[in-house]
Amino acid sequence: MAYPKKASFETLRRIAFGAIGAGFSAVGAAFAGPVRILTITNLTDQNLIFSDDGVNDKWILPAGSGKVIDISTNRTNQENFLLPEGSFVYIRHDGAAPTISSCFIEATIGA
């Protein structure tokens, strides 16, 4: 049985410090395919909170740090992805608004 092995990289998503508020905001456009690897780099001076539903806090990223979330690199099917095609990553600050730089989202999608 042959398994599909195709990965592509979505356009880099960026949200500037001034656009990161106390409530969740979507970062960039919806994902064009199921996300296999998500990389987040927080170059701001504040801790940031992230969500995949825009309502509930899911994970935190300290100021000046990054995180790689390897959702399903070794999976062979397209079902049950954490971030399916059409979904977003949402962001908010953790009590204090950032005053410098941006936060970046990189997505590797697979088919």
N, C-alpha and C. Protein backbone atom coordinates (compact mmCIF):
# COMPACT_ATOMS: atom_id res chain seq x y z
N MET A 1 0.84 -1.17 0.00
CA MET A 1 0.00 0.00 0.00
C MET A 1 0.89 1.24 0.00
N ALA A 2 0.62 2.17 -0.90
CA ALA A 2 1.39 3.42 -0.98
C ALA A 2 0.69 4.50 -0.15
N TYR A 3 1.48 5.25 0.56
CA TYR A 3 0.95 6.34 1.38
C TYR A 3 1.33 7.67 0.73
N PRO A 4 0.42 8.63 0.80
CA PRO A 4 0.76 9.95 0.25
C PRO A 4 1.87 10.58 1.07
N LYS A 5 2.81 11.24 0.40
CA LYS A 5 3.92 11.88 1.09
C LYS A 5 4.16 13.24 0.46
N LYS A 6 3.32 14.16 0.80
CA LYS A 6 3.44 15.49 0.23
C LYS A 6 3.26 16.50 1.35
N ALA A 7 4.23 17.35 1.51
CA ALA A 7 4.13 18.43 2.48
C ALA A 7 4.32 19.74 1.74
N SER A 8 3.63 20.75 2.18
CA SER A 8 3.84 22.09 1.64
C SER A 8 3.77 23.08 2.79
N PHE A 9 4.31 24.24 2.55
CA PHE A 9 4.42 25.24 3.59
C PHE A 9 3.48 26.40 3.29
N GLU A 10 2.70 26.74 4.28
CA GLU A 10 1.78 27.86 4.12
C GLU A 10 2.54 29.18 4.23
N THR A 11 1.93 30.24 3.75
CA THR A 11 2.51 31.57 3.87
C THR A 11 2.65 31.92 5.34
N LEU A 12 3.78 32.52 5.69
CA LEU A 12 4.05 32.92 7.06
C LEU A 12 2.96 33.87 7.55
N ARG A 13 2.45 33.59 8.74
CA ARG A 13 1.45 34.45 9.36
C ARG A 13 2.15 35.29 10.43
N ARG A 14 1.81 36.56 10.49
CA ARG A 14 2.42 37.48 11.43
C ARG A 14 1.35 38.37 12.04
N ILE A 15 1.49 38.59 13.34
CA ILE A 15 0.61 39.55 14.00
C ILE A 15 1.51 40.49 14.80
N ALA A 16 1.41 41.77 14.52
CA ALA A 16 2.24 42.78 15.18
C ALA A 16 1.77 43.00 16.61
N PHE A 17 2.69 43.45 17.47
CA PHE A 17 2.39 43.63 18.89
C PHE A 17 1.15 44.48 19.14
N GLY A 18 0.91 45.50 18.36
CA GLY A 18 -0.23 46.39 18.56
C GLY A 18 -1.58 45.76 18.28
N ALA A 19 -1.58 44.64 17.55
CA ALA A 19 -2.83 43.96 17.21
C ALA A 19 -3.16 42.83 18.18
N ILE A 20 -2.30 42.60 19.16
CA ILE A 20 -2.53 41.53 20.13
C ILE A 20 -3.22 42.13 21.35
N GLY A 21 -4.47 41.79 21.53
CA GLY A 21 -5.27 42.37 22.60
C GLY A 21 -5.57 41.39 23.72
N ALA A 22 -6.48 41.81 24.59
CA ALA A 22 -6.89 40.98 25.73
C ALA A 22 -7.84 39.87 25.31
N GLY A 23 -8.53 40.05 24.18
CA GLY A 23 -9.41 39.02 23.64
C GLY A 23 -8.75 38.32 22.46
N PHE A 24 -9.21 37.13 22.15
CA PHE A 24 -8.60 36.36 21.07
C PHE A 24 -8.83 37.00 19.70
N SER A 25 -7.78 36.97 18.88
CA SER A 25 -7.84 37.40 17.48
C SER A 25 -7.22 36.30 16.63
N ALA A 26 -7.82 36.04 15.47
CA ALA A 26 -7.25 35.06 14.55
C ALA A 26 -5.96 35.62 13.96
N VAL A 27 -4.97 34.74 13.79
CA VAL A 27 -3.70 35.14 13.18
C VAL A 27 -3.72 34.69 11.73
N GLY A 28 -3.86 35.65 10.81
CA GLY A 28 -3.83 35.35 9.39
C GLY A 28 -5.07 34.63 8.89
N ALA A 29 -4.90 34.02 7.73
CA ALA A 29 -5.99 33.32 7.04
C ALA A 29 -6.16 31.90 7.57
N ALA A 30 -7.27 31.31 7.21
CA ALA A 30 -7.53 29.90 7.57
C ALA A 30 -6.50 29.01 6.88
N PHE A 31 -6.18 27.88 7.51
CA PHE A 31 -5.23 26.94 6.93
C PHE A 31 -5.83 26.30 5.68
N ALA A 32 -5.01 26.18 4.63
CA ALA A 32 -5.47 25.64 3.35
C ALA A 32 -5.50 24.12 3.33
N GLY A 33 -4.93 23.49 4.32
CA GLY A 33 -4.91 22.04 4.41
C GLY A 33 -4.71 21.62 5.86
N PRO A 34 -4.74 20.31 6.12
CA PRO A 34 -4.54 19.83 7.49
C PRO A 34 -3.10 20.09 7.94
N VAL A 35 -2.95 20.69 9.12
CA VAL A 35 -1.63 21.06 9.62
C VAL A 35 -0.95 19.87 10.30
N ARG A 36 0.24 19.55 9.83
CA ARG A 36 1.03 18.48 10.43
C ARG A 36 2.05 19.02 11.42
N ILE A 37 2.65 20.16 11.13
CA ILE A 37 3.61 20.78 12.04
C ILE A 37 3.28 22.26 12.14
N LEU A 38 3.18 22.74 13.38
CA LEU A 38 2.90 24.14 13.64
C LEU A 38 4.07 24.71 14.43
N THR A 39 4.64 25.80 13.95
CA THR A 39 5.74 26.46 14.65
C THR A 39 5.30 27.87 15.00
N ILE A 40 5.46 28.23 16.27
CA ILE A 40 5.07 29.56 16.74
C ILE A 40 6.30 30.22 17.35
N THR A 41 6.56 31.45 16.94
CA THR A 41 7.69 32.21 17.47
C THR A 41 7.15 33.53 18.04
N ASN A 42 7.33 33.71 19.33
CA ASN A 42 6.87 34.91 20.02
C ASN A 42 8.06 35.84 20.23
N LEU A 43 8.20 36.84 19.38
CA LEU A 43 9.30 37.79 19.51
C LEU A 43 8.88 39.04 20.27
N THR A 44 7.69 39.02 20.87
CA THR A 44 7.24 40.15 21.67
C THR A 44 7.87 40.10 23.06
N ASP A 45 7.57 41.12 23.86
CA ASP A 45 8.10 41.21 25.22
C ASP A 45 7.11 40.75 26.28
N GLN A 46 6.05 40.02 25.87
CA GLN A 46 5.04 39.54 26.83
C GLN A 46 4.69 38.07 26.54
N ASN A 47 4.20 37.39 27.58
CA ASN A 47 3.68 36.04 27.40
C ASN A 47 2.40 36.11 26.58
N LEU A 48 2.20 35.14 25.69
CA LEU A 48 1.02 35.11 24.84
C LEU A 48 0.27 33.80 25.04
N ILE A 49 -1.05 33.88 24.95
CA ILE A 49 -1.94 32.73 25.09
C ILE A 49 -2.51 32.39 23.71
N PHE A 50 -2.61 31.09 23.42
CA PHE A 50 -3.09 30.63 22.11
C PHE A 50 -4.28 29.70 22.27
N SER A 51 -5.07 29.61 21.20
CA SER A 51 -6.25 28.77 21.19
C SER A 51 -6.49 28.26 19.77
N ASP A 52 -7.15 27.13 19.67
CA ASP A 52 -7.57 26.64 18.36
C ASP A 52 -9.06 26.84 18.14
N ASP A 53 -9.76 27.35 19.17
CA ASP A 53 -11.20 27.60 19.02
C ASP A 53 -11.59 29.06 19.25
N GLY A 54 -10.65 29.90 19.66
CA GLY A 54 -10.93 31.31 19.86
C GLY A 54 -11.71 31.62 21.12
N VAL A 55 -11.91 30.63 21.98
CA VAL A 55 -12.68 30.80 23.20
C VAL A 55 -11.87 30.38 24.42
N ASN A 56 -11.29 29.21 24.36
CA ASN A 56 -10.60 28.61 25.51
C ASN A 56 -9.08 28.73 25.38
N ASP A 57 -8.42 29.06 26.49
CA ASP A 57 -6.96 29.08 26.53
C ASP A 57 -6.45 27.65 26.34
N LYS A 58 -5.53 27.46 25.40
CA LYS A 58 -5.01 26.11 25.13
C LYS A 58 -3.54 25.99 25.47
N TRP A 59 -2.71 26.98 25.14
CA TRP A 59 -1.30 26.92 25.51
C TRP A 59 -0.74 28.33 25.62
N ILE A 60 0.38 28.43 26.35
CA ILE A 60 1.05 29.71 26.57
C ILE A 60 2.44 29.65 25.96
N LEU A 61 2.90 30.80 25.50
CA LEU A 61 4.25 30.90 24.96
C LEU A 61 4.92 32.11 25.60
N PRO A 62 5.95 31.88 26.40
CA PRO A 62 6.63 32.99 27.07
C PRO A 62 7.24 33.98 26.08
N ALA A 63 7.44 35.19 26.54
CA ALA A 63 8.06 36.24 25.73
C ALA A 63 9.41 35.77 25.20
N GLY A 64 9.69 36.10 23.94
CA GLY A 64 10.98 35.79 23.35
C GLY A 64 11.27 34.32 23.17
N SER A 65 10.24 33.50 22.99
CA SER A 65 10.46 32.06 22.84
C SER A 65 9.69 31.50 21.65
N GLY A 66 9.88 30.23 21.41
CA GLY A 66 9.18 29.57 20.31
C GLY A 66 8.76 28.17 20.71
N LYS A 67 7.90 27.60 19.89
CA LYS A 67 7.39 26.25 20.16
C LYS A 67 7.09 25.57 18.84
N VAL A 68 7.43 24.29 18.76
CA VAL A 68 7.07 23.47 17.61
C VAL A 68 6.08 22.43 18.09
N ILE A 69 4.95 22.36 17.43
CA ILE A 69 3.93 21.37 17.76
C ILE A 69 3.85 20.40 16.58
N ASP A 70 4.38 19.21 16.80
CA ASP A 70 4.40 18.17 15.78
C ASP A 70 3.12 17.35 15.95
N ILE A 71 2.12 17.71 15.19
CA ILE A 71 0.78 17.16 15.39
C ILE A 71 0.68 15.73 14.86
N SER A 72 1.18 15.50 13.67
CA SER A 72 1.00 14.17 13.10
C SER A 72 1.96 13.90 11.96
N THR A 73 3.20 14.22 12.13
CA THR A 73 4.19 14.02 11.08
C THR A 73 4.21 12.58 10.56
N ASN A 74 4.10 11.62 11.46
CA ASN A 74 4.23 10.22 11.05
C ASN A 74 2.91 9.52 10.76
N ARG A 75 1.82 10.25 10.73
CA ARG A 75 0.53 9.64 10.40
C ARG A 75 0.44 9.39 8.90
N THR A 76 -0.33 8.39 8.53
CA THR A 76 -0.49 8.08 7.12
C THR A 76 -1.86 8.45 6.58
N ASN A 77 -2.78 8.86 7.46
CA ASN A 77 -4.10 9.24 6.96
C ASN A 77 -4.37 10.71 7.24
N GLN A 78 -5.46 11.21 6.76
CA GLN A 78 -5.81 12.62 6.88
C GLN A 78 -6.89 12.88 7.91
N GLU A 79 -7.21 11.92 8.74
CA GLU A 79 -8.30 12.06 9.69
C GLU A 79 -7.81 12.50 11.06
N ASN A 80 -8.67 13.19 11.77
CA ASN A 80 -8.46 13.55 13.17
C ASN A 80 -7.24 14.42 13.42
N PHE A 81 -7.00 15.39 12.57
CA PHE A 81 -5.93 16.36 12.80
C PHE A 81 -6.37 17.34 13.87
N LEU A 82 -5.42 17.81 14.67
CA LEU A 82 -5.72 18.83 15.66
C LEU A 82 -6.18 20.11 14.98
N LEU A 83 -5.50 20.48 13.91
CA LEU A 83 -5.85 21.69 13.17
C LEU A 83 -6.21 21.32 11.73
N PRO A 84 -7.48 21.05 11.47
CA PRO A 84 -7.89 20.64 10.13
C PRO A 84 -7.91 21.82 9.15
N GLU A 85 -8.00 21.50 7.91
CA GLU A 85 -8.15 22.52 6.88
C GLU A 85 -9.28 23.47 7.26
N GLY A 86 -9.06 24.76 7.07
CA GLY A 86 -10.07 25.77 7.38
C GLY A 86 -10.02 26.31 8.79
N SER A 87 -9.14 25.79 9.61
CA SER A 87 -9.06 26.26 11.00
C SER A 87 -8.08 27.43 11.12
N PHE A 88 -8.07 28.04 12.30
CA PHE A 88 -7.23 29.19 12.61
C PHE A 88 -6.46 28.94 13.90
N VAL A 89 -5.43 29.74 14.13
CA VAL A 89 -4.80 29.87 15.44
C VAL A 89 -5.19 31.24 15.95
N TYR A 90 -5.62 31.29 17.20
CA TYR A 90 -6.04 32.53 17.84
C TYR A 90 -5.04 32.92 18.91
N ILE A 91 -4.91 34.23 19.15
CA ILE A 91 -3.91 34.73 20.08
C ILE A 91 -4.48 35.86 20.93
N ARG A 92 -3.97 35.95 22.16
CA ARG A 92 -4.25 37.08 23.04
C ARG A 92 -3.07 37.24 23.99
N HIS A 93 -2.97 38.40 24.62
CA HIS A 93 -1.88 38.56 25.59
C HIS A 93 -2.33 38.04 26.95
N ASP A 94 -1.37 37.87 27.83
CA ASP A 94 -1.63 37.28 29.14
C ASP A 94 -1.66 38.34 30.24
N GLY A 95 -2.41 39.41 30.02
CA GLY A 95 -2.59 40.43 31.05
C GLY A 95 -1.89 41.74 30.78
N ALA A 96 -0.78 41.72 30.09
CA ALA A 96 -0.07 42.95 29.74
C ALA A 96 0.17 42.94 28.24
N ALA A 97 -0.18 44.03 27.59
CA ALA A 97 -0.03 44.13 26.13
C ALA A 97 1.45 44.22 25.75
N PRO A 98 1.85 43.50 24.70
CA PRO A 98 3.23 43.61 24.24
C PRO A 98 3.52 45.00 23.67
N THR A 99 4.76 45.40 23.72
CA THR A 99 5.14 46.74 23.25
C THR A 99 6.17 46.71 22.12
N ILE A 100 6.62 45.51 21.73
CA ILE A 100 7.60 45.41 20.64
C ILE A 100 7.34 44.18 19.79
N SER A 101 7.78 44.23 18.56
CA SER A 101 7.90 43.11 17.63
C SER A 101 6.57 42.46 17.24
N SER A 102 6.63 41.16 16.94
CA SER A 102 5.49 40.42 16.40
C SER A 102 5.53 38.98 16.88
N CYS A 103 4.46 38.26 16.58
CA CYS A 103 4.40 36.82 16.78
C CYS A 103 4.17 36.20 15.41
N PHE A 104 4.85 35.08 15.15
CA PHE A 104 4.82 34.44 13.84
C PHE A 104 4.29 33.01 13.95
N ILE A 105 3.50 32.61 12.96
CA ILE A 105 2.95 31.26 12.88
C ILE A 105 3.41 30.66 11.54
N GLU A 106 4.06 29.49 11.62
CA GLU A 106 4.45 28.75 10.43
C GLU A 106 3.69 27.43 10.43
N ALA A 107 3.17 27.03 9.30
CA ALA A 107 2.41 25.79 9.22
C ALA A 107 2.90 24.93 8.06
N THR A 108 3.13 23.65 8.38
CA THR A 108 3.43 22.66 7.36
C THR A 108 2.19 21.81 7.19
N ILE A 109 1.63 21.84 6.01
CA ILE A 109 0.42 21.06 5.76
C ILE A 109 0.81 19.82 4.95
N GLY A 110 0.00 18.79 5.10
CA GLY A 110 0.33 17.54 4.42
C GLY A 110 -0.87 16.91 3.79
N ALA A 111 -0.62 16.22 2.72
CA ALA A 111 -1.69 15.51 2.02
C ALA A 111 -1.24 14.11 1.70
